[in-house]
Protein backbone atom coordinates (compact mmCIF):
# COMPACT_ATOMS: atom_id res chain seq x y z
CA MET A 1 0.00 0.00 0.00
CA VAL A 2 1.43 3.38 -1.05
CA GLU A 3 1.05 6.06 1.61
CA GLN A 4 0.02 9.47 0.38
CA ASP A 5 2.36 12.36 1.09
CA TYR A 6 1.11 14.79 3.76
CA TYR A 7 1.84 17.80 1.59
CA GLU A 8 -0.07 16.23 -1.30
CA LEU A 9 -3.00 15.46 1.01
CA LEU A 10 -3.31 19.14 1.89
CA GLY A 11 -2.45 20.31 -1.61
CA VAL A 12 0.48 22.52 -0.58
CA ALA A 13 4.14 22.73 -1.58
CA ARG A 14 6.87 21.46 0.73
CA GLY A 15 8.11 24.98 1.31
CA ALA A 16 4.66 26.34 2.19
CA ASP A 17 4.47 28.58 5.24
CA ASP A 18 2.26 27.98 8.28
CA GLY A 19 -0.50 30.25 6.99
CA ALA A 20 -0.84 28.41 3.68
CA ILE A 21 -0.94 25.02 5.45
CA LYS A 22 -3.62 26.22 7.87
CA ALA A 23 -5.78 27.68 5.09
CA ALA A 24 -5.54 24.51 3.00
CA TYR A 25 -6.47 22.35 5.98
CA ARG A 26 -9.54 24.42 6.84
CA LYS A 27 -10.81 24.28 3.29
CA LEU A 28 -10.37 20.52 2.97
CA ALA A 29 -11.67 19.76 6.47
CA LYS A 30 -14.83 21.69 5.72
CA GLU A 31 -15.25 19.96 2.36
CA HIS A 32 -14.72 16.40 3.63
CA HIS A 33 -16.33 16.64 7.07
CA PRO A 34 -18.36 13.41 7.72
CA ASP A 35 -21.43 15.42 8.71
CA ARG A 36 -21.62 16.83 5.19
CA LYS A 37 -21.19 13.45 3.51
CA ASN A 38 -23.96 11.58 5.35
CA GLY A 39 -21.59 9.13 7.00
CA CYS A 40 -19.68 8.19 3.84
CA LYS A 41 -16.88 5.86 4.94
CA GLU A 42 -14.54 7.05 2.20
CA SER A 43 -14.99 10.74 3.17
CA GLU A 44 -14.55 9.83 6.84
CA ALA A 45 -11.23 8.11 6.07
CA HIS A 46 -10.09 11.05 3.95
CA PHE A 47 -11.07 13.49 6.70
CA LYS A 48 -9.02 11.48 9.21
CA ALA A 49 -6.00 11.50 6.87
CA ILE A 50 -6.27 15.28 6.43
CA ASN A 51 -6.29 15.80 10.19
CA GLU A 52 -3.31 13.48 10.59
CA ALA A 53 -1.36 15.45 7.96
CA TYR A 54 -2.23 18.81 9.51
CA ASP A 55 -1.32 17.59 13.00
CA VAL A 56 2.20 16.89 11.79
CA LEU A 57 2.77 19.84 9.47
CA LYS A 58 1.49 22.51 11.88
CA ASP A 59 4.16 21.57 14.45
CA PRO A 60 7.71 22.71 13.49
CA ASN A 61 9.39 19.79 15.26
CA LYS A 62 7.09 17.15 13.79
CA ARG A 63 7.36 18.74 10.36
CA ALA A 64 11.16 18.73 10.48
CA ALA A 65 11.18 15.05 11.43
CA TYR A 66 8.69 14.23 8.67
CA ASP A 67 10.73 16.11 6.07
CA ARG A 68 13.80 14.14 7.10
CA PHE A 69 12.39 10.66 7.67
CA GLY A 70 8.84 10.63 6.31
CA LYS A 71 6.21 8.62 8.17
CA ALA A 72 8.93 6.31 9.49
CA ALA A 73 9.64 9.02 12.05
CA PHE A 74 6.29 8.27 13.68
CA GLN A 75 6.22 4.50 13.50
CA ASN A 76 6.98 3.04 16.93
CA GLY A 77 4.40 0.38 17.37
CA GLY A 78 1.28 2.51 17.10
CA GLY A 79 0.11 5.82 18.50
CA ASP A 80 1.59 9.26 18.12
CA PRO A 81 5.18 9.29 19.42
CA PHE A 82 5.19 13.06 19.47
CA GLY A 83 2.25 13.36 21.85
CA GLU A 84 2.31 14.34 25.51
CA ALA A 85 4.30 11.29 26.57
CA GLY A 86 6.47 11.26 23.45
CA PHE A 87 8.17 14.08 21.58
CA ASN A 88 6.80 16.99 23.60
CA GLY A 89 7.60 15.16 26.81
CA PHE A 90 11.24 14.71 25.79
CA SER A 91 11.37 18.29 24.57
CA ASP A 92 10.10 19.57 27.93
CA ILE A 93 12.63 17.43 29.79
CA PHE A 94 15.52 18.70 27.65
CA SER A 95 14.35 22.29 28.08
CA THR A 96 14.09 21.88 31.85
CA ILE A 97 17.55 20.39 32.20
CA PHE A 98 19.50 22.46 29.70
CA GLY A 99 17.48 25.69 29.68
CA ASP A 100 18.43 28.17 27.00
CA PHE A 101 20.95 25.77 25.49
CA MET A 102 18.09 23.83 23.91
CA ASP A 103 16.17 26.80 22.54
CA GLN A 104 16.20 27.56 18.84
CA ARG A 105 18.72 30.35 19.04
CA GLY A 106 21.01 28.36 21.32
CA GLN A 107 20.93 25.35 19.00
CA GLN A 108 21.87 27.43 15.99
CA GLN A 109 24.70 29.19 17.78
CA ASN A 110 26.19 26.00 19.19
CA ALA A 111 25.84 24.15 15.89
CA ALA A 112 27.42 27.00 13.88
CA ARG A 113 30.21 27.78 16.38
CA GLY A 114 33.67 26.91 15.16
CA ALA A 115 35.44 23.86 16.54
CA ASP A 116 38.13 24.08 19.20
CA LEU A 117 41.66 23.24 18.09
CA ARG A 118 44.58 21.56 19.85
CA TYR A 119 48.23 22.48 19.37
CA ASP A 120 51.11 20.57 21.02
CA ILE A 121 54.29 22.52 21.67
CA GLN A 122 57.69 21.43 23.01
CA LEU A 123 59.72 23.68 25.29
CA THR A 124 63.15 23.53 26.83
CA LEU A 125 63.47 23.77 30.60
CA GLU A 126 65.03 27.21 30.20
CA GLU A 127 62.06 28.43 28.11
CA ALA A 128 59.64 27.12 30.72
CA PHE A 129 61.63 28.86 33.47
CA ASN A 130 61.74 32.27 31.80
CA GLY A 131 58.53 32.21 29.78
CA VAL A 132 58.75 32.69 26.03
CA ASP A 133 56.98 34.14 23.00
CA LYS A 134 56.44 31.47 20.35
CA GLU A 135 55.46 31.84 16.71
CA ILE A 136 53.18 28.98 15.68
CA THR A 137 51.45 28.03 12.43
CA VAL A 138 47.84 26.84 12.45
CA ASP A 139 46.03 25.33 9.46
CA ALA A 140 42.31 25.69 10.11
CA LEU A 141 39.01 27.02 8.80
CA ALA A 142 39.11 30.82 8.89
CA ARG A 143 36.81 33.61 7.77
CA CYS A 144 36.38 33.48 4.00
CA GLU A 145 38.01 36.54 2.45
CA ALA A 146 36.16 36.19 -0.86
CA CYS A 147 32.71 36.74 0.67
CA GLU A 148 33.86 38.35 3.93
CA GLY A 149 32.23 35.56 5.90
CA ARG A 150 28.70 36.05 4.52
CA GLY A 151 28.62 32.78 2.58
CA CYS A 152 27.54 34.41 -0.68
CA THR A 153 28.99 37.00 -3.04
CA ARG A 154 26.00 39.35 -2.78
CA THR A 155 26.08 42.18 -0.28
CA ASP A 156 22.42 41.84 0.69
CA ASN A 157 20.99 39.20 3.02
CA CYS A 158 21.09 35.96 1.05
CA ALA A 159 20.26 33.66 3.97
CA ALA A 160 16.81 32.08 4.30
CA THR A 161 15.33 29.85 7.00
CA CYS A 162 16.09 26.19 6.32
CA GLY A 163 12.97 24.35 5.23
CA THR A 164 14.15 21.00 6.55
CA CYS A 165 14.67 21.98 10.18
CA ARG A 166 12.55 25.16 10.15
CA GLY A 167 15.50 27.15 11.44
CA MET A 168 16.21 24.88 14.41
CA GLY A 169 19.53 23.60 13.08
CA LYS A 170 18.60 20.08 14.17
CA VAL A 171 16.03 17.44 13.30
CA ARG A 172 14.50 14.91 15.65
CA ALA A 173 13.05 11.47 15.08
CA GLN A 174 11.53 8.76 17.23
CA GLN A 175 13.36 5.43 17.43
CA GLY A 176 11.51 3.10 19.75
CA PHE A 177 11.23 4.80 23.13
CA PHE A 178 13.95 7.32 22.35
CA VAL A 179 13.98 10.66 20.58
CA VAL A 180 17.11 10.98 18.46
CA GLU A 181 18.36 14.46 17.61
CA ARG A 182 20.76 15.04 14.74
CA GLY A 183 22.28 18.05 13.06
CA CYS A 184 20.26 19.16 10.06
CA PRO A 185 21.90 17.73 6.89
CA THR A 186 20.57 20.54 4.71
CA CYS A 187 21.86 23.60 6.58
CA ARG A 188 24.63 21.78 8.52
CA GLY A 189 23.24 23.01 11.80
CA SER A 190 23.10 26.74 11.03
CA GLY A 191 19.31 26.90 10.59
CA GLU A 192 19.73 28.81 7.34
CA VAL A 193 20.38 28.06 3.68
CA ILE A 194 22.27 30.36 1.35
CA SER A 195 21.18 31.34 -2.12
CA ASP A 196 24.02 32.01 -4.59
CA PRO A 197 26.66 30.49 -2.28
CA CYS A 198 30.24 31.70 -2.49
CA SER A 199 32.30 29.39 -4.71
CA ASN A 200 35.33 29.69 -2.44
CA CYS A 201 33.65 28.54 0.80
CA GLU A 202 30.52 26.87 -0.65
CA GLY A 203 28.24 29.04 1.46
CA GLU A 204 29.84 28.38 4.87
CA GLY A 205 31.53 31.74 5.16
CA ARG A 206 34.81 30.08 6.09
CA ALA A 207 37.62 28.37 4.20
CA LEU A 208 40.85 26.52 5.00
CA ASN A 209 43.63 28.96 5.71
CA ARG A 210 47.13 29.03 7.23
CA ARG A 211 47.60 31.47 10.10
CA HIS A 212 50.72 32.55 11.95
CA LEU A 213 50.15 33.36 15.61
CA SER A 214 52.39 34.83 18.28
CA VAL A 215 51.68 33.14 21.60
CA LYS A 216 53.00 34.29 24.97
CA ILE A 217 53.80 31.33 27.20
CA PRO A 218 54.07 32.29 30.89
CA ALA A 219 57.01 31.36 33.10
CA GLY A 220 56.61 28.22 35.18
CA VAL A 221 54.64 26.01 32.76
CA ASP A 222 55.15 22.29 33.08
CA GLU A 223 54.45 19.07 31.19
CA GLY A 224 50.73 18.91 30.43
CA THR A 225 50.02 22.59 31.12
CA ARG A 226 47.08 23.69 28.96
CA ILE A 227 46.93 27.24 27.63
CA ARG A 228 43.61 28.50 26.23
CA ILE A 229 43.72 31.13 23.50
CA ALA A 230 40.17 32.40 23.11
CA GLY A 231 38.76 32.83 19.62
CA GLU A 232 41.75 31.36 17.78
CA GLY A 233 40.10 28.05 16.89
CA GLU A 234 38.11 27.37 13.74
CA ALA A 235 35.90 30.16 12.45
CA GLY A 236 32.16 29.72 12.90
CA VAL A 237 29.69 29.24 10.08
CA ARG A 238 28.78 32.56 8.42
CA GLY A 239 29.98 34.85 11.18
CA ALA A 240 29.15 32.63 14.16
CA SER A 241 31.64 32.70 17.04
CA SER A 242 35.00 31.03 16.58
CA GLY A 243 36.24 28.14 18.66
CA ASP A 244 39.25 28.34 20.97
CA LEU A 245 42.82 27.15 20.54
CA TYR A 246 44.18 24.93 23.31
CA MET A 247 47.95 24.68 23.52
CA PHE A 248 49.39 21.69 25.41
CA VAL A 249 52.94 22.01 26.75
CA HIS A 250 55.47 19.18 26.51
CA MET A 251 58.95 19.37 28.02
CA LYS A 252 62.13 18.39 26.24
CA PRO A 253 64.61 16.28 28.25
CA HIS A 254 67.32 18.28 30.06
CA PRO A 255 70.93 17.00 30.21
CA ILE A 256 71.27 17.70 33.95
CA TYR A 257 67.92 18.18 35.64
CA ALA A 258 64.71 16.24 36.08
CA ARG A 259 61.75 18.30 37.20
CA GLU A 260 59.48 17.53 40.14
CA GLY A 261 56.97 20.34 40.46
CA THR A 262 59.03 23.49 40.99
CA ASN A 263 62.11 21.58 42.15
CA LEU A 264 64.99 20.58 39.90
CA ILE A 265 66.58 17.22 40.71
CA ALA A 266 70.13 16.36 39.65
CA ASP A 267 71.69 12.93 40.19
CA CYS A 268 75.31 13.67 41.12
CA PRO A 269 77.87 10.86 41.13
CA VAL A 270 80.79 11.53 43.50
CA THR A 271 83.94 9.49 44.19
CA PHE A 272 84.09 7.47 47.38
CA THR A 273 87.01 9.58 48.58
CA THR A 274 84.95 12.78 48.17
CA ALA A 275 82.08 11.13 49.99
CA ALA A 276 84.43 10.11 52.80
CA LEU A 277 86.45 13.30 53.08
CA GLY A 278 83.91 15.88 51.91
CA GLY A 279 84.13 18.41 49.11
CA SER A 280 81.88 20.46 46.85
CA ILE A 281 80.12 20.34 43.51
CA THR A 282 79.07 23.13 41.15
CA LEU A 283 75.92 22.83 39.02
CA PRO A 284 74.75 25.15 36.21
CA GLY A 285 71.76 27.13 37.45
CA ILE A 286 68.64 27.30 35.28
CA ASP A 287 68.89 31.11 35.46
CA GLY A 288 72.51 31.12 34.27
CA ASP A 289 74.11 31.48 37.69
CA LYS A 290 76.20 28.77 39.33
CA VAL A 291 74.77 26.59 42.09
CA GLU A 292 77.45 25.72 44.70
CA LEU A 293 76.78 22.76 46.99
CA LYS A 294 79.03 21.69 49.86
CA ILE A 295 79.41 17.94 50.39
CA PRO A 296 79.87 17.03 54.06
CA SER A 297 82.33 14.28 54.93
CA GLY A 298 80.79 10.86 55.38
CA ILE A 299 77.81 11.50 53.09
CA GLN A 300 76.03 8.34 51.98
CA SER A 301 74.73 7.37 48.57
CA GLY A 302 71.11 8.53 48.14
CA GLU A 303 71.36 11.48 50.51
CA GLN A 304 70.23 14.82 49.15
CA LEU A 305 71.69 18.30 49.24
CA ARG A 306 69.33 21.24 48.72
CA HIS A 307 69.95 24.74 47.44
CA ARG A 308 66.80 26.73 48.18
CA GLY A 309 65.35 29.22 45.70
CA ALA A 310 67.39 28.06 42.71
CA GLY A 311 64.67 25.92 41.09
CA MET A 312 61.78 26.63 38.69
CA THR A 313 59.55 29.67 38.62
CA VAL A 314 56.16 29.25 40.30
CA LEU A 315 53.44 29.44 37.63
CA ASN A 316 51.15 32.43 38.24
CA GLY A 317 52.83 33.01 41.57
CA ARG A 318 55.93 34.25 43.31
CA GLY A 319 59.19 32.63 44.27
CA ARG A 320 61.04 29.62 43.00
CA GLY A 321 61.53 25.99 43.89
CA ASP A 322 64.83 24.39 44.93
CA VAL A 323 67.74 22.61 43.30
CA VAL A 324 68.19 19.18 44.85
CA ALA A 325 71.41 17.21 44.34
CA ARG A 326 70.90 13.49 44.87
CA ILE A 327 74.30 12.03 45.82
CA LEU A 328 75.37 8.77 44.20
CA VAL A 329 78.62 7.42 45.66
CA GLU A 330 80.55 5.67 42.90
CA THR A 331 82.84 2.74 43.64
CA PRO A 332 86.00 2.91 41.52
CA THR A 333 86.34 0.21 38.88
CA ARG A 334 89.70 1.11 37.36
CA LEU A 335 92.46 1.26 39.95
CA SER A 336 96.18 1.50 39.39
CA LYS A 337 98.61 -0.74 41.31
CA GLU A 338 99.57 2.15 43.54
CA GLN A 339 95.90 2.90 44.35
CA LYS A 340 95.20 -0.73 45.13
CA LYS A 341 98.25 -0.83 47.42
CA LEU A 342 97.02 2.26 49.30
CA LEU A 343 93.56 0.76 49.71
CA GLU A 344 95.03 -2.48 51.03
CA GLU A 345 96.99 -0.49 53.60
CA PHE A 346 93.81 1.36 54.56
CA ARG A 347 91.89 -1.89 54.93
CA GLU A 348 94.51 -3.19 57.33
CA THR A 349 93.85 -0.22 59.58
CA GLU A 350 90.03 -0.61 59.60
CA THR A 351 88.43 -1.32 62.97
CA GLY A 352 84.77 -1.47 61.83
CA GLU A 353 83.94 1.82 63.51
CA GLU A 354 84.46 3.68 60.23
CA CYS A 355 81.27 2.18 58.76
CA PRO A 356 78.70 1.75 61.58
CA ALA A 357 75.88 0.59 59.28
CA ALA A 358 77.99 -2.28 57.90
CA LYS A 359 79.17 -3.18 61.41
CA GLY A 360 75.60 -3.34 62.71
CA PHE A 361 74.37 -5.41 59.79
CA PHE A 362 77.04 -8.10 60.04
CA SER A 363 76.66 -8.19 63.82
CA ARG A 364 73.02 -9.21 63.33
CA VAL A 365 74.08 -11.79 60.76
CA ARG A 366 76.51 -13.36 63.26
CA ASP A 367 73.80 -13.45 65.92
CA MET A 368 71.54 -15.42 63.59
CA PHE A 369 74.32 -17.99 63.14
CA GLY A 370 74.68 -18.30 66.89
CA GLY A 371 77.63 -15.96 67.29
């Protein structure tokens, strides 16, 4: 059985406005009313079909769904899915939860807004410490220069309300118990269609373009820091607001320092004689100055020396972190005969008191073996 088109039933064009649809319905309803046809079954069925068509086409949401999906939009096992418990019910729920976001104007603006962009940038530790101005290149949709963002080459208003979504920017359809909302395929979510579209941007008012931006990166940024640059994302459709550019910071490895928050950690190997007798080490400061650290005699591997205020800048704050030298005592592996002889002489003089940790450990071992 072939179902008759709702527009054909009412005798109106698909682009007819609300007034034309209402006038056509009144004329046909009066002509085919059962009371005037003495109970004719055929006229009664036709009258019912006319009412069904008008019920859909008078409602902007129902009409948009019908234009997109036909009668399949209303087939969910019988009944009208767009009644109080169906479409309108979901619409009321969405409006209650999301407020103005779900109104017609909000839908158009959000659909036409340009997309946000992501840019990953690598910095040296010195650049992160001082802050830096970076020149970056972004390939993205930008305002069309040919039509100045209007979407058409004419200077007058060449935008008309989209007939598919009735200016909503989205179409809805019932699928089982759920109402599915999709961006309008005709106007691409803008709610408008362009006559005489610009050949450069095909009516969108934006085209792919390469931009060069100067970005100021503040001092103290770290791995994963996100910097938002408002309005530097993709351009919106036909003058709608642009998206934002999000820059994500990544740190290049440093030859000396590892970073932990605002502190700079340096693993510093020292000879066992320096560890035993004491000494000093000099590290290159991140600000260009030297960092002098005194090594006390008897320092153990793994102990830390701290130079306060010589670390990284505090992001959006004052002060600096510390430089921390993590001491790693290195056992010599290449000894000359003379050095070995000296060490043998030293070993002969050991009493065990020189290394109390080793003495305590082996004392416990002997106790476990019964002395």
